[in-house]
Amino acid sequence: MGDLRYRPMTEADLPAATALWAQAEGVELAEGDRPEQLAAYLKRNPGMSFVAESVAATALAGAVLAGHDGRRGLLYHLAVAPDQRRRGIGRELVERAVAALRADGVERVLILVARDNDAGRDFWARQGWETLASAEPMGRNL
């Protein structure tokens, strides 16, 4: 994987990351994902989100948005470019985000995976994530 570089996501990465997320199956961009909102999230959670960058192509091979509220960590929008999959990039991005959250004192991390995203659910299960039978996500637009 010498052709990849992993680093914390910056505000300058947001256009490329958003484009990657928008084309990824199972990743839904919704309210709260406008550029200024994502930039504010990065500022509130410095060093928690990561990108994998192809050195040769200077393009993003993958990206994950991560942060916490002081109690629980959250991972959002993990995506790997289609031509870069099956190289461990997603796993590495998750491990880096989780390590950053752990270093900040977070002991539990949550994700949301669409019920119809079988490939995503399989990925997360292989990484040791569990379905929470005792809880169901709920939301409300403000």
C-alpha atoms as a PDB file:
ATOM      1  CA  MET A   1       0.000   0.000   0.000  1.00  0.00           C
ATOM      2  CA  GLY A   2       2.958   2.281  -0.591  1.00  0.00           C
ATOM      3  CA  ASP A   3       0.921   4.148  -3.167  1.00  0.00           C
ATOM      4  CA  LEU A   4      -1.482   5.390  -0.475  1.00  0.00           C
ATOM      5  CA  ARG A   5      -1.117   8.025   2.177  1.00  0.00           C
ATOM      6  CA  TYR A   6      -3.464   8.234   5.176  1.00  0.00           C
ATOM      7  CA  ARG A   7      -3.960  11.549   6.928  1.00  0.00           C
ATOM      8  CA  PRO A   8      -6.537  13.499   8.914  1.00  0.00           C
ATOM      9  CA  MET A   9      -9.237  15.055   6.775  1.00  0.00           C
ATOM     10  CA  THR A  10      -9.098  18.815   6.287  1.00  0.00           C
ATOM     11  CA  GLU A  11     -11.691  21.299   5.116  1.00  0.00           C
ATOM     12  CA  ALA A  12      -9.902  21.385   1.744  1.00  0.00           C
ATOM     13  CA  ASP A  13     -10.720  17.658   1.338  1.00  0.00           C
ATOM     14  CA  LEU A  14     -14.475  18.166   1.681  1.00  0.00           C
ATOM     15  CA  PRO A  15     -15.334  18.669  -2.031  1.00  0.00           C
ATOM     16  CA  ALA A  16     -13.506  15.465  -3.024  1.00  0.00           C
ATOM     17  CA  ALA A  17     -14.829  13.540  -0.004  1.00  0.00           C
ATOM     18  CA  THR A  18     -18.394  14.690  -0.677  1.00  0.00           C
ATOM     19  CA  ALA A  19     -18.090  13.610  -4.318  1.00  0.00           C
ATOM     20  CA  LEU A  20     -16.780  10.204  -3.203  1.00  0.00           C
ATOM     21  CA  TRP A  21     -19.605   9.794  -0.668  1.00  0.00           C
ATOM     22  CA  ALA A  22     -22.231  10.881  -3.202  1.00  0.00           C
ATOM     23  CA  GLN A  23     -21.276   8.134  -5.630  1.00  0.00           C
ATOM     24  CA  ALA A  24     -20.853   5.373  -3.021  1.00  0.00           C
ATOM     25  CA  GLU A  25     -23.618   2.807  -2.692  1.00  0.00           C
ATOM     26  CA  GLY A  26     -25.103   2.832   0.792  1.00  0.00           C
ATOM     27  CA  VAL A  27     -23.807   6.288   1.758  1.00  0.00           C
ATOM     28  CA  GLU A  28     -26.553   8.851   2.075  1.00  0.00           C
ATOM     29  CA  LEU A  29     -25.810  12.554   2.133  1.00  0.00           C
ATOM     30  CA  ALA A  30     -28.625  14.362   3.894  1.00  0.00           C
ATOM     31  CA  GLU A  31     -29.399  17.335   6.103  1.00  0.00           C
ATOM     32  CA  GLY A  32     -26.297  18.381   8.008  1.00  0.00           C
ATOM     33  CA  ASP A  33     -24.015  17.554   5.070  1.00  0.00           C
ATOM     34  CA  ARG A  34     -23.726  20.992   3.509  1.00  0.00           C
ATOM     35  CA  PRO A  35     -20.091  22.110   3.104  1.00  0.00           C
ATOM     36  CA  GLU A  36     -20.236  24.653   5.927  1.00  0.00           C
ATOM     37  CA  GLN A  37     -21.782  22.085   8.283  1.00  0.00           C
ATOM     38  CA  LEU A  38     -19.159  19.472   7.455  1.00  0.00           C
ATOM     39  CA  ALA A  39     -16.402  22.073   7.936  1.00  0.00           C
ATOM     40  CA  ALA A  40     -17.832  22.960  11.360  1.00  0.00           C
ATOM     41  CA  TYR A  41     -17.936  19.251  12.279  1.00  0.00           C
ATOM     42  CA  LEU A  42     -14.264  18.863  11.379  1.00  0.00           C
ATOM     43  CA  LYS A  43     -13.388  21.897  13.508  1.00  0.00           C
ATOM     44  CA  ARG A  44     -15.305  20.493  16.503  1.00  0.00           C
ATOM     45  CA  ASN A  45     -13.653  17.099  16.057  1.00  0.00           C
ATOM     46  CA  PRO A  46     -10.083  17.797  14.898  1.00  0.00           C
ATOM     47  CA  GLY A  47      -8.003  14.806  13.869  1.00  0.00           C
ATOM     48  CA  MET A  48     -10.906  12.329  14.053  1.00  0.00           C
ATOM     49  CA  SER A  49     -11.824  12.055  10.336  1.00  0.00           C
ATOM     50  CA  PHE A  50      -9.415  10.556   7.811  1.00  0.00           C
ATOM     51  CA  VAL A  51      -8.743  10.257   4.105  1.00  0.00           C
ATOM     52  CA  ALA A  52      -6.728   7.791   2.068  1.00  0.00           C
ATOM     53  CA  GLU A  53      -5.050   9.563  -0.790  1.00  0.00           C
ATOM     54  CA  SER A  54      -3.572   7.939  -3.867  1.00  0.00           C
ATOM     55  CA  VAL A  55      -0.073   9.368  -4.169  1.00  0.00           C
ATOM     56  CA  ALA A  56       0.170   8.783  -7.922  1.00  0.00           C
ATOM     57  CA  ALA A  57      -3.254  10.146  -8.830  1.00  0.00           C
ATOM     58  CA  THR A  58      -3.531  12.724  -6.029  1.00  0.00           C
ATOM     59  CA  ALA A  59      -7.131  11.578  -5.702  1.00  0.00           C
ATOM     60  CA  LEU A  60      -9.009  10.355  -2.669  1.00  0.00           C
ATOM     61  CA  ALA A  61      -9.125   6.589  -2.459  1.00  0.00           C
ATOM     62  CA  GLY A  62     -11.319   6.705   0.650  1.00  0.00           C
ATOM     63  CA  ALA A  63     -12.723   8.891   3.392  1.00  0.00           C
ATOM     64  CA  VAL A  64     -14.476   8.584   6.741  1.00  0.00           C
ATOM     65  CA  LEU A  65     -16.109  11.286   8.850  1.00  0.00           C
ATOM     66  CA  ALA A  66     -15.808  10.754  12.599  1.00  0.00           C
ATOM     67  CA  GLY A  67     -16.303  12.630  15.840  1.00  0.00           C
ATOM     68  CA  HIS A  68     -17.874  12.497  19.256  1.00  0.00           C
ATOM     69  CA  ASP A  69     -20.113  14.364  21.647  1.00  0.00           C
ATOM     70  CA  GLY A  70     -17.865  13.839  24.673  1.00  0.00           C
ATOM     71  CA  ARG A  71     -19.520  10.534  25.472  1.00  0.00           C
ATOM     72  CA  ARG A  72     -20.170   8.478  22.321  1.00  0.00           C
ATOM     73  CA  GLY A  73     -18.232   8.366  19.103  1.00  0.00           C
ATOM     74  CA  LEU A  74     -19.919   8.384  15.716  1.00  0.00           C
ATOM     75  CA  LEU A  75     -18.634   7.264  12.324  1.00  0.00           C
ATOM     76  CA  TYR A  76     -20.309   8.637   9.235  1.00  0.00           C
ATOM     77  CA  HIS A  77     -19.870   8.260   5.500  1.00  0.00           C
ATOM     78  CA  LEU A  78     -17.169   5.634   5.118  1.00  0.00           C
ATOM     79  CA  ALA A  79     -16.514   5.204   1.405  1.00  0.00           C
ATOM     80  CA  VAL A  80     -13.754   3.773  -0.760  1.00  0.00           C
ATOM     81  CA  ALA A  81     -13.438   4.509  -4.465  1.00  0.00           C
ATOM     82  CA  PRO A  82     -14.656   1.537  -6.532  1.00  0.00           C
ATOM     83  CA  ASP A  83     -11.258   0.961  -8.165  1.00  0.00           C
ATOM     84  CA  GLN A  84      -9.549   0.950  -4.748  1.00  0.00           C
ATOM     85  CA  ARG A  85     -11.751  -1.588  -2.937  1.00  0.00           C
ATOM     86  CA  ARG A  86     -10.583  -4.904  -1.478  1.00  0.00           C
ATOM     87  CA  ARG A  87      -7.239  -3.411  -0.406  1.00  0.00           C
ATOM     88  CA  GLY A  88      -8.059  -2.858   3.280  1.00  0.00           C
ATOM     89  CA  ILE A  89      -8.532   0.900   2.861  1.00  0.00           C
ATOM     90  CA  GLY A  90     -11.939   0.984   4.561  1.00  0.00           C
ATOM     91  CA  ARG A  91     -10.669  -1.081   7.469  1.00  0.00           C
ATOM     92  CA  GLU A  92      -7.603   1.165   7.870  1.00  0.00           C
ATOM     93  CA  LEU A  93      -9.702   4.340   7.788  1.00  0.00           C
ATOM     94  CA  VAL A  94     -12.011   2.911  10.467  1.00  0.00           C
ATOM     95  CA  GLU A  95      -9.076   1.815  12.634  1.00  0.00           C
ATOM     96  CA  ARG A  96      -7.514   5.276  12.466  1.00  0.00           C
ATOM     97  CA  ALA A  97     -10.787   7.011  13.315  1.00  0.00           C
ATOM     98  CA  VAL A  98     -11.474   4.618  16.200  1.00  0.00           C
ATOM     99  CA  ALA A  99      -7.919   5.078  17.528  1.00  0.00           C
ATOM    100  CA  ALA A 100      -8.366   8.871  17.474  1.00  0.00           C
ATOM    101  CA  LEU A 101     -11.684   8.565  19.310  1.00  0.00           C
ATOM    102  CA  ARG A 102     -10.169   6.183  21.876  1.00  0.00           C
ATOM    103  CA  ALA A 103      -7.247   8.576  22.435  1.00  0.00           C
ATOM    104  CA  ASP A 104      -9.816  11.284  23.218  1.00  0.00           C
ATOM    105  CA  GLY A 105     -11.427   9.103  25.908  1.00  0.00           C
ATOM    106  CA  VAL A 106     -14.346   7.682  23.915  1.00  0.00           C
ATOM    107  CA  GLU A 107     -15.264   4.130  24.924  1.00  0.00           C
ATOM    108  CA  ARG A 108     -18.187   3.363  22.577  1.00  0.00           C
ATOM    109  CA  VAL A 109     -18.604   4.168  18.890  1.00  0.00           C
ATOM    110  CA  LEU A 110     -21.830   3.979  16.888  1.00  0.00           C
ATOM    111  CA  ILE A 111     -22.601   3.819  13.172  1.00  0.00           C
ATOM    112  CA  LEU A 112     -25.788   3.894  11.128  1.00  0.00           C
ATOM    113  CA  VAL A 113     -26.050   1.337   8.332  1.00  0.00           C
ATOM    114  CA  ALA A 114     -29.061   1.265   6.045  1.00  0.00           C
ATOM    115  CA  ARG A 115     -31.084  -1.919   6.405  1.00  0.00           C
ATOM    116  CA  ASP A 116     -30.933  -2.489   2.639  1.00  0.00           C
ATOM    117  CA  ASN A 117     -27.148  -2.014   2.440  1.00  0.00           C
ATOM    118  CA  ASP A 118     -26.135  -5.676   2.540  1.00  0.00           C
ATOM    119  CA  ALA A 119     -22.547  -5.039   1.429  1.00  0.00           C
ATOM    120  CA  GLY A 120     -22.135  -2.354   4.086  1.00  0.00           C
ATOM    121  CA  ARG A 121     -23.654  -4.523   6.798  1.00  0.00           C
ATOM    122  CA  ASP A 122     -21.312  -7.378   5.820  1.00  0.00           C
ATOM    123  CA  PHE A 123     -18.284  -5.055   5.937  1.00  0.00           C
ATOM    124  CA  TRP A 124     -19.129  -3.775   9.410  1.00  0.00           C
ATOM    125  CA  ALA A 125     -19.881  -7.258  10.749  1.00  0.00           C
ATOM    126  CA  ARG A 126     -16.490  -8.502   9.477  1.00  0.00           C
ATOM    127  CA  GLN A 127     -14.864  -5.641  11.416  1.00  0.00           C
ATOM    128  CA  GLY A 128     -16.526  -6.785  14.656  1.00  0.00           C
ATOM    129  CA  TRP A 129     -19.415  -4.299  14.798  1.00  0.00           C
ATOM    130  CA  GLU A 130     -22.687  -5.586  16.221  1.00  0.00           C
ATOM    131  CA  THR A 131     -26.311  -4.919  15.391  1.00  0.00           C
ATOM    132  CA  LEU A 132     -28.028  -3.311  18.363  1.00  0.00           C
ATOM    133  CA  ALA A 133     -31.214  -5.338  18.742  1.00  0.00           C
ATOM    134  CA  SER A 134     -32.132  -3.319  21.816  1.00  0.00           C
ATOM    135  CA  ALA A 135     -32.110   0.030  20.012  1.00  0.00           C
ATOM    136  CA  GLU A 136     -33.433   1.485  16.794  1.00  0.00           C
ATOM    137  CA  PRO A 137     -32.308   4.791  15.315  1.00  0.00           C
ATOM    138  CA  MET A 138     -34.842   7.568  15.306  1.00  0.00           C
ATOM    139  CA  GLY A 139     -34.594  11.069  13.884  1.00  0.00           C
ATOM    140  CA  ARG A 140     -36.342  14.369  13.502  1.00  0.00           C
ATOM    141  CA  ASN A 141     -35.626  17.239  11.146  1.00  0.00           C
ATOM    142  CA  LEU A 142     -35.433  20.632  12.836  1.00  0.00           C
END
